[in-house]
PDB file of all heavy atoms in Angstrom:
ATOM      1  N   LEU A   1       0.783  -1.222  -0.002  1.00  0.00           N
ATOM      2  CA  LEU A   1      -0.049   0.103   0.068  1.00  0.00           C
ATOM      3  C   LEU A   1       0.820   1.279   0.047  1.00  0.00           C
ATOM      4  O   LEU A   1       1.941   1.278   0.706  1.00  0.00           O
ATOM      5  CB  LEU A   1      -0.918   0.102   1.277  1.00  0.00           C
ATOM      6  CG  LEU A   1      -2.010  -1.050   1.223  1.00  0.00           C
ATOM      7  CD1 LEU A   1      -2.708  -0.963   2.690  1.00  0.00           C
ATOM      8  CD2 LEU A   1      -3.030  -0.827   0.122  1.00  0.00           C
ATOM      9  N   ASP A   2       0.446   2.269  -0.747  1.00  0.00           N
ATOM     10  CA  ASP A   2       1.127   3.557  -0.811  1.00  0.00           C
ATOM     11  C   ASP A   2       0.859   4.250   0.464  1.00  0.00           C
ATOM     12  O   ASP A   2      -0.312   4.596   0.795  1.00  0.00           O
ATOM     13  CB  ASP A   2       0.677   4.323  -2.026  1.00  0.00           C
ATOM     14  CG  ASP A   2       1.389   5.720  -2.121  1.00  0.00           C
ATOM     15  OD1 ASP A   2       2.039   6.151  -1.114  1.00  0.00           O
ATOM     16  OD2 ASP A   2       1.223   6.287  -3.279  1.00  0.00           O
ATOM     17  N   PRO A   3       1.838   4.545   1.394  1.00  0.00           N
ATOM     18  CA  PRO A   3       1.557   5.085   2.718  1.00  0.00           C
ATOM     19  C   PRO A   3       0.973   6.543   2.562  1.00  0.00           C
ATOM     20  O   PRO A   3       0.372   6.985   3.506  1.00  0.00           O
ATOM     21  CB  PRO A   3       2.900   5.214   3.360  1.00  0.00           C
ATOM     22  CG  PRO A   3       3.916   4.973   2.216  1.00  0.00           C
ATOM     23  CD  PRO A   3       3.220   4.185   1.256  1.00  0.00           C
ATOM     24  N   GLU A   4       1.251   7.262   1.431  1.00  0.00           N
ATOM     25  CA  GLU A   4       0.683   8.618   1.313  1.00  0.00           C
ATOM     26  C   GLU A   4      -0.807   8.507   0.963  1.00  0.00           C
ATOM     27  O   GLU A   4      -1.487   9.451   1.422  1.00  0.00           O
ATOM     28  CB  GLU A   4       1.410   9.298   0.137  1.00  0.00           C
ATOM     29  CG  GLU A   4       2.956   9.590   0.419  1.00  0.00           C
ATOM     30  CD  GLU A   4       3.504  10.464  -0.672  1.00  0.00           C
ATOM     31  OE1 GLU A   4       2.767  10.865  -1.663  1.00  0.00           O
ATOM     32  OE2 GLU A   4       4.683  10.728  -0.680  1.00  0.00           O
ATOM     33  N   LEU A   5      -1.249   7.443   0.347  1.00  0.00           N
ATOM     34  CA  LEU A   5      -2.637   7.295   0.054  1.00  0.00           C
ATOM     35  C   LEU A   5      -3.386   6.629   1.192  1.00  0.00           C
ATOM     36  O   LEU A   5      -4.478   6.936   1.558  1.00  0.00           O
ATOM     37  CB  LEU A   5      -2.963   6.457  -1.202  1.00  0.00           C
ATOM     38  CG  LEU A   5      -2.566   7.230  -2.536  1.00  0.00           C
ATOM     39  CD1 LEU A   5      -2.696   6.236  -3.691  1.00  0.00           C
ATOM     40  CD2 LEU A   5      -3.422   8.414  -2.802  1.00  0.00           C
ATOM     41  N   TRP A   6      -2.623   5.720   1.798  1.00  0.00           N
ATOM     42  CA  TRP A   6      -3.249   4.757   2.749  1.00  0.00           C
ATOM     43  C   TRP A   6      -2.796   5.125   4.264  1.00  0.00           C
ATOM     44  O   TRP A   6      -2.077   4.287   4.802  1.00  0.00           O
ATOM     45  CB  TRP A   6      -3.145   3.326   2.414  1.00  0.00           C
ATOM     46  CG  TRP A   6      -3.751   3.038   1.114  1.00  0.00           C
ATOM     47  CD1 TRP A   6      -3.309   2.908  -0.068  1.00  0.00           C
ATOM     48  CD2 TRP A   6      -5.249   2.720   0.983  1.00  0.00           C
ATOM     49  NE1 TRP A   6      -4.222   2.686  -1.010  1.00  0.00           N
ATOM     50  CE2 TRP A   6      -5.485   2.509  -0.402  1.00  0.00           C
ATOM     51  CE3 TRP A   6      -6.328   2.601   1.794  1.00  0.00           C
ATOM     52  CZ2 TRP A   6      -6.670   2.263  -0.916  1.00  0.00           C
ATOM     53  CZ3 TRP A   6      -7.544   2.351   1.337  1.00  0.00           C
ATOM     54  CH2 TRP A   6      -7.738   2.202  -0.093  1.00  0.00           C
ATOM     55  N   SER A   7      -3.121   6.205   4.736  1.00  0.00           N
ATOM     56  CA  SER A   7      -2.770   6.706   6.001  1.00  0.00           C
ATOM     57  C   SER A   7      -3.454   5.904   7.108  1.00  0.00           C
ATOM     58  O   SER A   7      -4.364   5.103   6.778  1.00  0.00           O
ATOM     59  CB  SER A   7      -3.059   8.223   6.133  1.00  0.00           C
ATOM     60  OG  SER A   7      -4.544   8.287   5.994  1.00  0.00           O
ATOM     61  N   ASN A   8      -3.145   6.121   8.285  1.00  0.00           N
ATOM     62  CA  ASN A   8      -3.881   5.490   9.390  1.00  0.00           C
ATOM     63  C   ASN A   8      -5.385   5.737   9.336  1.00  0.00           C
ATOM     64  O   ASN A   8      -6.224   4.865   9.579  1.00  0.00           O
ATOM     65  CB  ASN A   8      -3.348   5.948  10.795  1.00  0.00           C
ATOM     66  CG  ASN A   8      -2.010   5.205  11.148  1.00  0.00           C
ATOM     67  OD1 ASN A   8      -1.660   4.314  10.472  1.00  0.00           O
ATOM     68  ND2 ASN A   8      -1.357   5.635  12.240  1.00  0.00           N
ATOM     69  N   GLU A   9      -5.790   6.953   9.075  1.00  0.00           N
ATOM     70  CA  GLU A   9      -7.111   7.369   8.950  1.00  0.00           C
ATOM     71  C   GLU A   9      -7.913   6.585   7.806  1.00  0.00           C
ATOM     72  O   GLU A   9      -8.988   6.206   8.018  1.00  0.00           O
ATOM     73  CB  GLU A   9      -7.310   8.859   8.704  1.00  0.00           C
ATOM     74  CG  GLU A   9      -6.916   9.782   9.965  1.00  0.00           C
ATOM     75  CD  GLU A   9      -5.401   9.866  10.132  1.00  0.00           C
ATOM     76  OE1 GLU A   9      -4.667   9.442   9.265  1.00  0.00           O
ATOM     77  OE2 GLU A   9      -5.009  10.475  11.137  1.00  0.00           O
ATOM     78  N   ALA A  10      -7.184   6.447   6.721  1.00  0.00           N
ATOM     79  CA  ALA A  10      -7.754   5.770   5.559  1.00  0.00           C
ATOM     80  C   ALA A  10      -7.964   4.279   5.884  1.00  0.00           C
ATOM     81  O   ALA A  10      -9.052   3.630   5.584  1.00  0.00           O
ATOM     82  CB  ALA A  10      -6.926   5.923   4.302  1.00  0.00           C
ATOM     83  N   MET A  11      -6.972   3.668   6.602  1.00  0.00           N
ATOM     84  CA  MET A  11      -7.057   2.338   6.997  1.00  0.00           C
ATOM     85  C   MET A  11      -8.146   2.024   8.018  1.00  0.00           C
ATOM     86  O   MET A  11      -8.864   1.070   8.095  1.00  0.00           O
ATOM     87  CB  MET A  11      -5.645   1.720   7.432  1.00  0.00           C
ATOM     88  CG  MET A  11      -4.617   1.670   6.319  1.00  0.00           C
ATOM     89  SD  MET A  11      -5.168   0.807   4.867  1.00  0.00           S
ATOM     90  CE  MET A  11      -5.243  -0.882   5.500  1.00  0.00           C
ATOM     91  N   ALA A  12      -8.221   3.049   8.922  1.00  0.00           N
ATOM     92  CA  ALA A  12      -9.279   3.051   9.994  1.00  0.00           C
ATOM     93  C   ALA A  12     -10.673   2.964   9.236  1.00  0.00           C
ATOM     94  O   ALA A  12     -11.593   2.247   9.695  1.00  0.00           O
ATOM     95  CB  ALA A  12      -9.208   4.142  10.883  1.00  0.00           C
ATOM     96  N   LEU A  13     -10.826   3.727   8.212  1.00  0.00           N
ATOM     97  CA  LEU A  13     -12.065   3.692   7.474  1.00  0.00           C
ATOM     98  C   LEU A  13     -12.389   2.385   6.931  1.00  0.00           C
ATOM     99  O   LEU A  13     -13.536   1.915   6.969  1.00  0.00           O
ATOM    100  CB  LEU A  13     -12.011   4.823   6.419  1.00  0.00           C
ATOM    101  CG  LEU A  13     -13.287   4.995   5.576  1.00  0.00           C
ATOM    102  CD1 LEU A  13     -14.393   5.451   6.411  1.00  0.00           C
ATOM    103  CD2 LEU A  13     -13.005   5.968   4.383  1.00  0.00           C
ATOM    104  N   VAL A  14     -11.294   1.711   6.410  1.00  0.00           N
ATOM    105  CA  VAL A  14     -11.590   0.353   5.797  1.00  0.00           C
ATOM    106  C   VAL A  14     -11.925  -0.557   6.883  1.00  0.00           C
ATOM    107  O   VAL A  14     -12.892  -1.288   6.711  1.00  0.00           O
ATOM    108  CB  VAL A  14     -10.209  -0.019   5.156  1.00  0.00           C
ATOM    109  CG1 VAL A  14     -10.349  -1.593   4.682  1.00  0.00           C
ATOM    110  CG2 VAL A  14      -9.853   0.789   3.932  1.00  0.00           C
ATOM    111  N   TRP A  15     -11.306  -0.658   7.978  1.00  0.00           N
ATOM    112  CA  TRP A  15     -11.693  -1.474   9.066  1.00  0.00           C
ATOM    113  C   TRP A  15     -13.108  -1.190   9.644  1.00  0.00           C
ATOM    114  O   TRP A  15     -13.861  -2.131   9.780  1.00  0.00           O
ATOM    115  CB  TRP A  15     -10.669  -1.312  10.333  1.00  0.00           C
ATOM    116  CG  TRP A  15      -9.387  -2.082  10.225  1.00  0.00           C
ATOM    117  CD1 TRP A  15      -8.140  -1.555  10.011  1.00  0.00           C
ATOM    118  CD2 TRP A  15      -9.230  -3.400  10.137  1.00  0.00           C
ATOM    119  NE1 TRP A  15      -7.181  -2.490   9.956  1.00  0.00           N
ATOM    120  CE2 TRP A  15      -7.837  -3.741   9.967  1.00  0.00           C
ATOM    121  CE3 TRP A  15     -10.100  -4.567  10.296  1.00  0.00           C
ATOM    122  CZ2 TRP A  15      -7.264  -5.032  10.036  1.00  0.00           C
ATOM    123  CZ3 TRP A  15      -9.556  -5.847  10.265  1.00  0.00           C
ATOM    124  CH2 TRP A  15      -8.183  -6.037  10.155  1.00  0.00           C
ATOM    125  N   ASN A  16     -13.396   0.021   9.662  1.00  0.00           N
ATOM    126  CA  ASN A  16     -14.760   0.359  10.170  1.00  0.00           C
ATOM    127  C   ASN A  16     -15.819  -0.087   9.177  1.00  0.00           C
ATOM    128  O   ASN A  16     -16.867  -0.711   9.615  1.00  0.00           O
ATOM    129  CB  ASN A  16     -14.972   1.931  10.298  1.00  0.00           C
ATOM    130  CG  ASN A  16     -16.305   2.282  10.711  1.00  0.00           C
ATOM    131  OD1 ASN A  16     -16.927   1.851  11.698  1.00  0.00           O
ATOM    132  ND2 ASN A  16     -16.904   3.274  10.007  1.00  0.00           N
ATOM    133  N   ASN A  17     -15.622   0.132   7.851  1.00  0.00           N
ATOM    134  CA  ASN A  17     -16.634  -0.298   6.898  1.00  0.00           C
ATOM    135  C   ASN A  17     -16.707  -1.844   6.807  1.00  0.00           C
ATOM    136  O   ASN A  17     -17.847  -2.378   6.468  1.00  0.00           O
ATOM    137  CB  ASN A  17     -16.335   0.351   5.647  1.00  0.00           C
ATOM    138  CG  ASN A  17     -16.877   1.720   5.651  1.00  0.00           C
ATOM    139  OD1 ASN A  17     -18.010   2.082   5.465  1.00  0.00           O
ATOM    140  ND2 ASN A  17     -15.999   2.779   5.787  1.00  0.00           N
ATOM    141  N   LYS A  18     -15.613  -2.552   7.005  1.00  0.00           N
ATOM    142  CA  LYS A  18     -15.614  -3.937   7.017  1.00  0.00           C
ATOM    143  C   LYS A  18     -16.454  -4.450   8.218  1.00  0.00           C
ATOM    144  O   LYS A  18     -17.251  -5.323   8.128  1.00  0.00           O
ATOM    145  CB  LYS A  18     -14.231  -4.590   7.047  1.00  0.00           C
ATOM    146  CG  LYS A  18     -14.200  -6.082   6.972  1.00  0.00           C
ATOM    147  CD  LYS A  18     -12.841  -6.693   7.049  1.00  0.00           C
ATOM    148  CE  LYS A  18     -12.868  -8.225   7.076  1.00  0.00           C
ATOM    149  NZ  LYS A  18     -11.543  -8.811   7.168  1.00  0.00           N
ATOM    150  N   GLY A  19     -16.286  -3.695   9.318  1.00  0.00           N
ATOM    151  CA  GLY A  19     -17.035  -4.129  10.525  1.00  0.00           C
ATOM    152  C   GLY A  19     -18.540  -3.897  10.370  1.00  0.00           C
ATOM    153  O   GLY A  19     -19.316  -4.697  10.784  1.00  0.00           O
ATOM    154  N   ILE A  20     -18.899  -2.782   9.727  1.00  0.00           N
ATOM    155  CA  ILE A  20     -20.277  -2.518   9.396  1.00  0.00           C
ATOM    156  C   ILE A  20     -20.930  -3.688   8.520  1.00  0.00           C
ATOM    157  O   ILE A  20     -22.055  -4.099   8.918  1.00  0.00           O
ATOM    158  CB  ILE A  20     -20.485  -1.130   8.759  1.00  0.00           C
ATOM    159  CG1 ILE A  20     -20.096  -0.110   9.718  1.00  0.00           C
ATOM    160  CG2 ILE A  20     -21.936  -1.000   8.205  1.00  0.00           C
ATOM    161  CD1 ILE A  20     -20.079   1.286   8.975  1.00  0.00           C
ATOM    162  N   ALA A  21     -20.229  -4.073   7.499  1.00  0.00           N
ATOM    163  CA  ALA A  21     -20.631  -5.116   6.598  1.00  0.00           C
ATOM    164  C   ALA A  21     -20.849  -6.423   7.361  1.00  0.00           C
ATOM    165  O   ALA A  21     -21.848  -7.145   7.137  1.00  0.00           O
ATOM    166  CB  ALA A  21     -19.587  -5.303   5.410  1.00  0.00           C
ATOM    167  N   LEU A  22     -19.800  -6.658   8.250  1.00  0.00           N
ATOM    168  CA  LEU A  22     -19.923  -7.913   9.027  1.00  0.00           C
ATOM    169  C   LEU A  22     -21.119  -7.873   9.988  1.00  0.00           C
ATOM    170  O   LEU A  22     -21.873  -8.905  10.126  1.00  0.00           O
ATOM    171  CB  LEU A  22     -18.639  -8.169   9.821  1.00  0.00           C
ATOM    172  CG  LEU A  22     -17.383  -8.641   9.089  1.00  0.00           C
ATOM    173  CD1 LEU A  22     -16.139  -8.383   9.831  1.00  0.00           C
ATOM    174  CD2 LEU A  22     -17.577 -10.096   8.646  1.00  0.00           C
ATOM    175  N   SER A  23     -21.477  -6.744  10.575  1.00  0.00           N
ATOM    176  CA  SER A  23     -22.594  -6.684  11.412  1.00  0.00           C
ATOM    177  C   SER A  23     -23.859  -6.812  10.694  1.00  0.00           C
ATOM    178  O   SER A  23     -24.863  -7.401  11.205  1.00  0.00           O
ATOM    179  CB  SER A  23     -22.567  -5.203  12.150  1.00  0.00           C
ATOM    180  OG  SER A  23     -22.874  -4.270  11.290  1.00  0.00           O
ATOM    181  N   PHE A  24     -23.958  -6.444   9.429  1.00  0.00           N
ATOM    182  CA  PHE A  24     -25.131  -6.710   8.608  1.00  0.00           C
ATOM    183  C   PHE A  24     -25.345  -8.197   8.437  1.00  0.00           C
ATOM    184  O   PHE A  24     -26.461  -8.690   8.234  1.00  0.00           O
ATOM    185  CB  PHE A  24     -25.075  -6.022   7.262  1.00  0.00           C
ATOM    186  CG  PHE A  24     -25.487  -4.533   7.306  1.00  0.00           C
ATOM    187  CD1 PHE A  24     -24.544  -3.568   7.067  1.00  0.00           C
ATOM    188  CD2 PHE A  24     -26.810  -4.218   7.547  1.00  0.00           C
ATOM    189  CE1 PHE A  24     -24.965  -2.342   7.015  1.00  0.00           C
ATOM    190  CE2 PHE A  24     -27.279  -2.943   7.407  1.00  0.00           C
ATOM    191  CZ  PHE A  24     -26.328  -1.868   7.323  1.00  0.00           C
ATOM    192  N   LEU A  25     -24.292  -8.901   8.406  1.00  0.00           N
ATOM    193  CA  LEU A  25     -24.381 -10.420   8.287  1.00  0.00           C
ATOM    194  C   LEU A  25     -24.554 -11.092   9.623  1.00  0.00           C
ATOM    195  O   LEU A  25     -24.613 -12.392   9.596  1.00  0.00           O
ATOM    196  CB  LEU A  25     -23.139 -10.931   7.596  1.00  0.00           C
ATOM    197  CG  LEU A  25     -23.010 -10.449   6.135  1.00  0.00           C
ATOM    198  CD1 LEU A  25     -21.660 -10.947   5.595  1.00  0.00           C
ATOM    199  CD2 LEU A  25     -24.097 -10.974   5.224  1.00  0.00           C
TER     200      LEU A  25
END
């Protein structure tokens, strides 16, 4: 991953949205 594009905040967003999808299931 390009660290300039994928900052901690961006990765946190990915984890959060994966969590939301898992909760729907």
